Amino acid sequence: MEETKFTDIFNEGTVIKFTPQDLDKKDVEIQNFKQKLELYEKKNPLIEDFDNKNLSYLINNETFFDVQYYIDNSWLQYFITKYKVDVSKLNDLMNLSIHQEDFNAVKLLADNGYIISKKDLNILIDTENNIKEKVQENKSDGYESYTITNSKINQISKYLKEKYLLNKIVDPDGYTNLRKDKNSSSEILQKVKSGEHIEVLDNTGDWFLVKTKEGKEGCIHKSRITSK
């Protein structure tokens, strides 16, 4: 079987404005794409066959003058669904989505279960500062020129801050345990009621570092935290 890599389908020169729902259209470009996609999926049928780093090729950056690259965000959803990607672990991808101002990707990740943390808000601040520098440089052409009219940073900022404030506990028992360390046998510091808002300070790994409304910091398993 002919081998097809992910970068043979999506790469830095790709412009794909059609969606997965368009694959049956009688269009030469779409049919050539479909053939490559089918070869890739036959070669990589299992969840463990898929490298989550591939998803970075699906993040857009339309804020620079000479970027000739676009992938419809429906493809990000397509691969997350097909390979049952644990979106809660895609910290680097969220970082990239914020930095490259792909507002649709930011929303899509959050809609699929990514929990916004203080770390993400710090990345947002760094990105905002970097944008201010680009605007002050006021370059009119070349990759380093920033196209203000394409900027999505204000929408991203508003959205992330709103989602951060929605973080809360969800547990069928009516409460969950705040633990000292990142494991289920660690000392219990406090019981946190289901529905109660918490600050997520660090969302890496299976146990998140959080702060309760009483100001106590500890760890809670990610399965007990939602922003819905």
C-alpha atoms as a PDB file:
ATOM      1  CA  MET A   1       0.000   0.000   0.000  1.00  0.00           C
ATOM      2  CA  GLU A   2       1.284   3.444  -0.926  1.00  0.00           C
ATOM      3  CA  GLU A   3       2.243   5.391   2.181  1.00  0.00           C
ATOM      4  CA  THR A   4       0.697   8.814   2.728  1.00  0.00           C
ATOM      5  CA  LYS A   5       1.907  11.057   5.537  1.00  0.00           C
ATOM      6  CA  PHE A   6      -0.243  13.632   7.289  1.00  0.00           C
ATOM      7  CA  THR A   7       1.946  16.366   5.785  1.00  0.00           C
ATOM      8  CA  ASP A   8       1.107  15.047   2.309  1.00  0.00           C
ATOM      9  CA  ILE A   9      -2.482  16.087   3.018  1.00  0.00           C
ATOM     10  CA  PHE A  10      -2.003  19.159   5.197  1.00  0.00           C
ATOM     11  CA  ASN A  11       1.163  21.251   5.054  1.00  0.00           C
ATOM     12  CA  GLU A  12       2.320  24.845   5.248  1.00  0.00           C
ATOM     13  CA  GLY A  13       1.301  25.547   1.660  1.00  0.00           C
ATOM     14  CA  THR A  14      -2.182  24.100   1.947  1.00  0.00           C
ATOM     15  CA  VAL A  15      -5.378  26.002   1.225  1.00  0.00           C
ATOM     16  CA  ILE A  16      -8.424  23.868   2.061  1.00  0.00           C
ATOM     17  CA  LYS A  17     -11.702  25.756   2.224  1.00  0.00           C
ATOM     18  CA  PHE A  18     -13.900  22.695   1.719  1.00  0.00           C
ATOM     19  CA  THR A  19     -15.144  20.598   4.638  1.00  0.00           C
ATOM     20  CA  PRO A  20     -15.445  16.843   5.366  1.00  0.00           C
ATOM     21  CA  GLN A  21     -19.065  17.097   4.198  1.00  0.00           C
ATOM     22  CA  ASP A  22     -17.833  18.141   0.746  1.00  0.00           C
ATOM     23  CA  LEU A  23     -15.794  15.000   0.042  1.00  0.00           C
ATOM     24  CA  ASP A  24     -18.371  13.497  -2.322  1.00  0.00           C
ATOM     25  CA  LYS A  25     -18.497  16.539  -4.565  1.00  0.00           C
ATOM     26  CA  LYS A  26     -17.384  15.994  -8.167  1.00  0.00           C
ATOM     27  CA  ASP A  27     -14.426  18.320  -7.967  1.00  0.00           C
ATOM     28  CA  VAL A  28     -10.925  17.298  -9.073  1.00  0.00           C
ATOM     29  CA  GLU A  29      -9.175  19.040  -6.173  1.00  0.00           C
ATOM     30  CA  ILE A  30     -11.523  17.515  -3.605  1.00  0.00           C
ATOM     31  CA  GLN A  31     -11.302  14.020  -5.126  1.00  0.00           C
ATOM     32  CA  ASN A  32      -7.484  14.114  -5.146  1.00  0.00           C
ATOM     33  CA  PHE A  33      -7.576  15.197  -1.516  1.00  0.00           C
ATOM     34  CA  LYS A  34     -10.065  12.445  -0.652  1.00  0.00           C
ATOM     35  CA  GLN A  35      -7.796   9.811  -2.202  1.00  0.00           C
ATOM     36  CA  LYS A  36      -4.843  10.939  -0.067  1.00  0.00           C
ATOM     37  CA  LEU A  37      -7.018  11.076   3.042  1.00  0.00           C
ATOM     38  CA  GLU A  38      -8.307   7.529   2.499  1.00  0.00           C
ATOM     39  CA  LEU A  39      -4.766   6.214   2.010  1.00  0.00           C
ATOM     40  CA  TYR A  40      -3.649   7.910   5.224  1.00  0.00           C
ATOM     41  CA  GLU A  41      -6.581   6.530   7.220  1.00  0.00           C
ATOM     42  CA  LYS A  42      -6.057   2.999   5.910  1.00  0.00           C
ATOM     43  CA  LYS A  43      -2.420   3.192   6.976  1.00  0.00           C
ATOM     44  CA  ASN A  44      -3.381   4.689  10.369  1.00  0.00           C
ATOM     45  CA  PRO A  45      -6.688   3.106  11.411  1.00  0.00           C
ATOM     46  CA  LEU A  46      -6.230   3.065  15.199  1.00  0.00           C
ATOM     47  CA  ILE A  47      -6.259   5.771  17.845  1.00  0.00           C
ATOM     48  CA  GLU A  48      -2.675   4.936  18.790  1.00  0.00           C
ATOM     49  CA  ASP A  49      -1.600   5.374  15.150  1.00  0.00           C
ATOM     50  CA  PHE A  50      -2.405   9.078  15.232  1.00  0.00           C
ATOM     51  CA  ASP A  51       0.137  11.602  16.496  1.00  0.00           C
ATOM     52  CA  ASN A  52      -1.662  14.518  18.149  1.00  0.00           C
ATOM     53  CA  LYS A  53       1.157  16.805  17.004  1.00  0.00           C
ATOM     54  CA  ASN A  54      -0.350  16.524  13.513  1.00  0.00           C
ATOM     55  CA  LEU A  55      -3.172  18.779  14.665  1.00  0.00           C
ATOM     56  CA  SER A  56      -0.813  21.763  14.694  1.00  0.00           C
ATOM     57  CA  TYR A  57      -0.994  21.777  10.879  1.00  0.00           C
ATOM     58  CA  LEU A  58      -4.703  22.570  11.172  1.00  0.00           C
ATOM     59  CA  ILE A  59      -4.244  25.808  13.125  1.00  0.00           C
ATOM     60  CA  ASN A  60      -4.497  28.975  11.040  1.00  0.00           C
ATOM     61  CA  ASN A  61      -2.620  32.252  11.236  1.00  0.00           C
ATOM     62  CA  GLU A  62      -4.146  35.000   9.113  1.00  0.00           C
ATOM     63  CA  THR A  63      -2.671  38.007  10.914  1.00  0.00           C
ATOM     64  CA  PHE A  64       0.507  38.305   8.842  1.00  0.00           C
ATOM     65  CA  PHE A  65       0.748  39.923   5.441  1.00  0.00           C
ATOM     66  CA  ASP A  66       2.152  37.119   3.282  1.00  0.00           C
ATOM     67  CA  VAL A  67       0.686  33.961   4.843  1.00  0.00           C
ATOM     68  CA  GLN A  68      -0.752  31.817   2.034  1.00  0.00           C
ATOM     69  CA  TYR A  69      -2.286  29.098   4.155  1.00  0.00           C
ATOM     70  CA  TYR A  70      -5.766  28.179   5.293  1.00  0.00           C
ATOM     71  CA  ILE A  71      -7.469  25.046   6.633  1.00  0.00           C
ATOM     72  CA  ASP A  72     -11.184  25.023   7.376  1.00  0.00           C
ATOM     73  CA  ASN A  73     -11.551  24.358  11.118  1.00  0.00           C
ATOM     74  CA  SER A  74     -13.982  21.520  10.479  1.00  0.00           C
ATOM     75  CA  TRP A  75     -10.911  19.363   9.785  1.00  0.00           C
ATOM     76  CA  LEU A  76      -9.663  19.899  13.315  1.00  0.00           C
ATOM     77  CA  GLN A  77     -12.993  18.606  14.597  1.00  0.00           C
ATOM     78  CA  TYR A  78     -12.863  15.749  12.082  1.00  0.00           C
ATOM     79  CA  PHE A  79      -9.584  14.315  13.392  1.00  0.00           C
ATOM     80  CA  ILE A  80     -10.436  14.944  17.053  1.00  0.00           C
ATOM     81  CA  THR A  81     -13.614  12.928  16.551  1.00  0.00           C
ATOM     82  CA  LYS A  82     -12.170  10.207  14.332  1.00  0.00           C
ATOM     83  CA  TYR A  83      -9.217   9.419  16.595  1.00  0.00           C
ATOM     84  CA  LYS A  84     -11.037  10.179  19.866  1.00  0.00           C
ATOM     85  CA  VAL A  85      -8.367  12.696  20.846  1.00  0.00           C
ATOM     86  CA  ASP A  86      -8.241  13.621  24.557  1.00  0.00           C
ATOM     87  CA  VAL A  87      -8.532  17.370  24.062  1.00  0.00           C
ATOM     88  CA  SER A  88      -7.770  18.064  27.737  1.00  0.00           C
ATOM     89  CA  LYS A  89      -4.143  17.164  26.983  1.00  0.00           C
ATOM     90  CA  LEU A  90      -3.739  19.496  24.002  1.00  0.00           C
ATOM     91  CA  ASN A  91      -2.062  22.295  25.962  1.00  0.00           C
ATOM     92  CA  ASP A  92       0.503  22.973  23.245  1.00  0.00           C
ATOM     93  CA  LEU A  93      -2.230  23.163  20.612  1.00  0.00           C
ATOM     94  CA  MET A  94      -4.229  25.673  22.658  1.00  0.00           C
ATOM     95  CA  ASN A  95      -1.021  27.658  23.128  1.00  0.00           C
ATOM     96  CA  LEU A  96      -0.507  27.694  19.357  1.00  0.00           C
ATOM     97  CA  SER A  97      -4.157  28.588  18.682  1.00  0.00           C
ATOM     98  CA  ILE A  98      -3.908  31.605  20.993  1.00  0.00           C
ATOM     99  CA  HIS A  99      -0.535  32.697  19.643  1.00  0.00           C
ATOM    100  CA  GLN A 100      -1.666  32.425  16.019  1.00  0.00           C
ATOM    101  CA  GLU A 101      -5.039  34.005  16.832  1.00  0.00           C
ATOM    102  CA  ASP A 102      -7.133  31.142  15.472  1.00  0.00           C
ATOM    103  CA  PHE A 103     -10.320  32.030  17.322  1.00  0.00           C
ATOM    104  CA  ASN A 104     -12.309  29.160  15.810  1.00  0.00           C
ATOM    105  CA  ALA A 105      -9.699  26.640  16.955  1.00  0.00           C
ATOM    106  CA  VAL A 106      -9.701  28.090  20.483  1.00  0.00           C
ATOM    107  CA  LYS A 107     -13.480  27.711  20.669  1.00  0.00           C
ATOM    108  CA  LEU A 108     -13.425  24.256  19.136  1.00  0.00           C
ATOM    109  CA  LEU A 109     -10.916  22.947  21.670  1.00  0.00           C
ATOM    110  CA  ALA A 110     -12.945  24.374  24.568  1.00  0.00           C
ATOM    111  CA  ASP A 111     -16.154  22.902  23.135  1.00  0.00           C
ATOM    112  CA  ASN A 112     -14.485  19.488  23.077  1.00  0.00           C
ATOM    113  CA  GLY A 113     -13.525  19.554  26.750  1.00  0.00           C
ATOM    114  CA  TYR A 114     -10.390  21.672  27.065  1.00  0.00           C
ATOM    115  CA  ILE A 115     -10.432  23.495  30.422  1.00  0.00           C
ATOM    116  CA  ILE A 116      -9.010  27.025  30.415  1.00  0.00           C
ATOM    117  CA  SER A 117      -6.418  27.631  33.108  1.00  0.00           C
ATOM    118  CA  LYS A 118      -4.415  30.518  34.504  1.00  0.00           C
ATOM    119  CA  LYS A 119      -1.536  29.292  32.355  1.00  0.00           C
ATOM    120  CA  ASP A 120      -3.620  29.852  29.230  1.00  0.00           C
ATOM    121  CA  LEU A 121      -4.482  33.364  30.377  1.00  0.00           C
ATOM    122  CA  ASN A 122      -0.762  34.054  30.860  1.00  0.00           C
ATOM    123  CA  ILE A 123      -0.133  32.871  27.291  1.00  0.00           C
ATOM    124  CA  LEU A 124      -2.872  35.266  26.222  1.00  0.00           C
ATOM    125  CA  ILE A 125      -1.088  38.156  27.981  1.00  0.00           C
ATOM    126  CA  ASP A 126       2.218  37.266  26.293  1.00  0.00           C
ATOM    127  CA  THR A 127       0.466  37.143  22.919  1.00  0.00           C
ATOM    128  CA  GLU A 128      -1.227  40.497  23.494  1.00  0.00           C
ATOM    129  CA  ASN A 129       2.140  42.065  24.369  1.00  0.00           C
ATOM    130  CA  ASN A 130       3.743  40.560  21.275  1.00  0.00           C
ATOM    131  CA  ILE A 131       0.923  41.950  19.120  1.00  0.00           C
ATOM    132  CA  LYS A 132       1.438  45.446  20.560  1.00  0.00           C
ATOM    133  CA  GLU A 133       5.080  45.265  19.512  1.00  0.00           C
ATOM    134  CA  LYS A 134       4.129  44.157  15.982  1.00  0.00           C
ATOM    135  CA  VAL A 135       1.626  46.985  15.643  1.00  0.00           C
ATOM    136  CA  GLN A 136       4.182  49.538  16.829  1.00  0.00           C
ATOM    137  CA  GLU A 137       6.677  48.270  14.228  1.00  0.00           C
ATOM    138  CA  ASN A 138       4.035  49.137  11.606  1.00  0.00           C
ATOM    139  CA  LYS A 139       5.630  47.096   8.815  1.00  0.00           C
ATOM    140  CA  SER A 140       3.620  47.138   5.602  1.00  0.00           C
ATOM    141  CA  ASP A 141       4.831  43.914   3.991  1.00  0.00           C
ATOM    142  CA  GLY A 142       6.686  40.683   4.701  1.00  0.00           C
ATOM    143  CA  TYR A 143       5.904  37.936   7.205  1.00  0.00           C
ATOM    144  CA  GLU A 144       6.662  40.082  10.234  1.00  0.00           C
ATOM    145  CA  SER A 145       4.053  42.688   9.237  1.00  0.00           C
ATOM    146  CA  TYR A 146       0.930  42.455  11.360  1.00  0.00           C
ATOM    147  CA  THR A 147      -2.446  42.843   9.638  1.00  0.00           C
ATOM    148  CA  ILE A 148      -4.582  44.541  12.279  1.00  0.00           C
ATOM    149  CA  THR A 149      -7.828  44.030  10.374  1.00  0.00           C
ATOM    150  CA  ASN A 150      -7.354  40.243  10.595  1.00  0.00           C
ATOM    151  CA  SER A 151      -6.703  40.267  14.333  1.00  0.00           C
ATOM    152  CA  LYS A 152      -8.862  38.032  16.527  1.00  0.00           C
ATOM    153  CA  ILE A 153      -7.073  38.689  19.801  1.00  0.00           C
ATOM    154  CA  ASN A 154      -9.904  40.727  21.343  1.00  0.00           C
ATOM    155  CA  GLN A 155     -12.442  37.972  20.647  1.00  0.00           C
ATOM    156  CA  ILE A 156     -10.049  35.331  21.981  1.00  0.00           C
ATOM    157  CA  SER A 157      -9.358  37.366  25.124  1.00  0.00           C
ATOM    158  CA  LYS A 158     -13.046  37.878  25.886  1.00  0.00           C
ATOM    159  CA  TYR A 159     -13.866  34.226  25.229  1.00  0.00           C
ATOM    160  CA  LEU A 160     -11.017  32.751  27.313  1.00  0.00           C
ATOM    161  CA  LYS A 161     -11.751  34.961  30.296  1.00  0.00           C
ATOM    162  CA  GLU A 162     -15.434  34.041  30.174  1.00  0.00           C
ATOM    163  CA  LYS A 163     -14.684  30.323  29.931  1.00  0.00           C
ATOM    164  CA  TYR A 164     -12.183  30.569  32.794  1.00  0.00           C
ATOM    165  CA  LEU A 165     -14.889  32.004  35.047  1.00  0.00           C
ATOM    166  CA  LEU A 166     -17.216  29.113  34.154  1.00  0.00           C
ATOM    167  CA  ASN A 167     -14.885  26.431  35.539  1.00  0.00           C
ATOM    168  CA  LYS A 168     -16.695  24.440  38.206  1.00  0.00           C
ATOM    169  CA  ILE A 169     -16.895  21.078  39.929  1.00  0.00           C
ATOM    170  CA  VAL A 170     -19.121  18.342  38.552  1.00  0.00           C
ATOM    171  CA  ASP A 171     -19.424  15.120  40.537  1.00  0.00           C
ATOM    172  CA  PRO A 172     -22.324  12.638  40.813  1.00  0.00           C
ATOM    173  CA  ASP A 173     -21.565  12.286  44.535  1.00  0.00           C
ATOM    174  CA  GLY A 174     -22.370  15.947  45.061  1.00  0.00           C
ATOM    175  CA  TYR A 175     -18.790  16.880  45.965  1.00  0.00           C
ATOM    176  CA  THR A 176     -15.182  16.051  45.125  1.00  0.00           C
ATOM    177  CA  ASN A 177     -11.993  15.991  47.147  1.00  0.00           C
ATOM    178  CA  LEU A 178      -9.302  18.633  46.933  1.00  0.00           C
ATOM    179  CA  ARG A 179      -6.072  16.717  47.455  1.00  0.00           C
ATOM    180  CA  LYS A 180      -2.596  17.810  48.425  1.00  0.00           C
ATOM    181  CA  ASP A 181      -0.867  15.972  45.585  1.00  0.00           C
ATOM    182  CA  LYS A 182      -1.776  14.618  42.146  1.00  0.00           C
ATOM    183  CA  ASN A 183      -3.080  11.193  43.134  1.00  0.00           C
ATOM    184  CA  SER A 184      -6.175   9.647  44.688  1.00  0.00           C
ATOM    185  CA  SER A 185      -4.390   8.498  47.844  1.00  0.00           C
ATOM    186  CA  SER A 186      -3.064  11.936  48.717  1.00  0.00           C
ATOM    187  CA  GLU A 187      -4.210  13.867  51.784  1.00  0.00           C
ATOM    188  CA  ILE A 188      -7.666  15.444  51.454  1.00  0.00           C
ATOM    189  CA  LEU A 189      -7.470  19.186  52.066  1.00  0.00           C
ATOM    190  CA  GLN A 190     -11.124  20.057  51.523  1.00  0.00           C
ATOM    191  CA  LYS A 191     -14.374  18.826  50.030  1.00  0.00           C
ATOM    192  CA  VAL A 192     -15.635  20.971  47.144  1.00  0.00           C
ATOM    193  CA  LYS A 193     -19.341  20.902  46.310  1.00  0.00           C
ATOM    194  CA  SER A 194     -20.556  20.023  42.831  1.00  0.00           C
ATOM    195  CA  GLY A 195     -21.431  23.186  40.905  1.00  0.00           C
ATOM    196  CA  GLU A 196     -18.978  25.321  42.862  1.00  0.00           C
ATOM    197  CA  HIS A 197     -16.657  27.603  40.889  1.00  0.00           C
ATOM    198  CA  ILE A 198     -12.931  26.960  41.117  1.00  0.00           C
ATOM    199  CA  GLU A 199      -9.867  28.647  39.686  1.00  0.00           C
ATOM    200  CA  VAL A 200      -7.802  26.293  37.523  1.00  0.00           C
ATOM    201  CA  LEU A 201      -4.174  27.338  37.927  1.00  0.00           C
ATOM    202  CA  ASP A 202      -2.492  24.564  35.936  1.00  0.00           C
ATOM    203  CA  ASN A 203      -4.297  22.203  33.564  1.00  0.00           C
ATOM    204  CA  THR A 204      -1.459  19.875  32.587  1.00  0.00           C
ATOM    205  CA  GLY A 205      -1.728  16.143  33.259  1.00  0.00           C
ATOM    206  CA  ASP A 206      -4.690  14.233  34.671  1.00  0.00           C
ATOM    207  CA  TRP A 207      -4.768  16.197  37.930  1.00  0.00           C
ATOM    208  CA  PHE A 208      -5.242  19.964  37.767  1.00  0.00           C
ATOM    209  CA  LEU A 209      -3.847  22.439  40.266  1.00  0.00           C
ATOM    210  CA  VAL A 210      -6.774  24.564  41.450  1.00  0.00           C
ATOM    211  CA  LYS A 211      -7.768  27.178  44.009  1.00  0.00           C
ATOM    212  CA  THR A 212     -11.107  27.030  45.812  1.00  0.00           C
ATOM    213  CA  LYS A 213     -13.276  30.006  46.778  1.00  0.00           C
ATOM    214  CA  GLU A 214     -11.813  29.680  50.294  1.00  0.00           C
ATOM    215  CA  GLY A 215      -8.350  30.257  48.801  1.00  0.00           C
ATOM    216  CA  LYS A 216      -7.036  26.716  49.308  1.00  0.00           C
ATOM    217  CA  GLU A 217      -4.794  25.331  46.587  1.00  0.00           C
ATOM    218  CA  GLY A 218      -4.675  21.657  45.775  1.00  0.00           C
ATOM    219  CA  CYS A 219      -5.291  19.046  43.096  1.00  0.00           C
ATOM    220  CA  ILE A 220      -8.503  17.750  41.554  1.00  0.00           C
ATOM    221  CA  HIS A 221      -8.820  15.110  38.857  1.00  0.00           C
ATOM    222  CA  LYS A 222      -9.680  16.683  35.495  1.00  0.00           C
ATOM    223  CA  SER A 223     -12.758  14.460  35.134  1.00  0.00           C
ATOM    224  CA  ARG A 224     -14.375  16.423  37.972  1.00  0.00           C
ATOM    225  CA  ILE A 225     -13.996  19.825  36.298  1.00  0.00           C
ATOM    226  CA  THR A 226     -16.181  21.342  33.591  1.00  0.00           C
ATOM    227  CA  SER A 227     -16.886  24.739  32.052  1.00  0.00           C
ATOM    228  CA  LYS A 228     -20.270  23.830  30.554  1.00  0.00           C
END
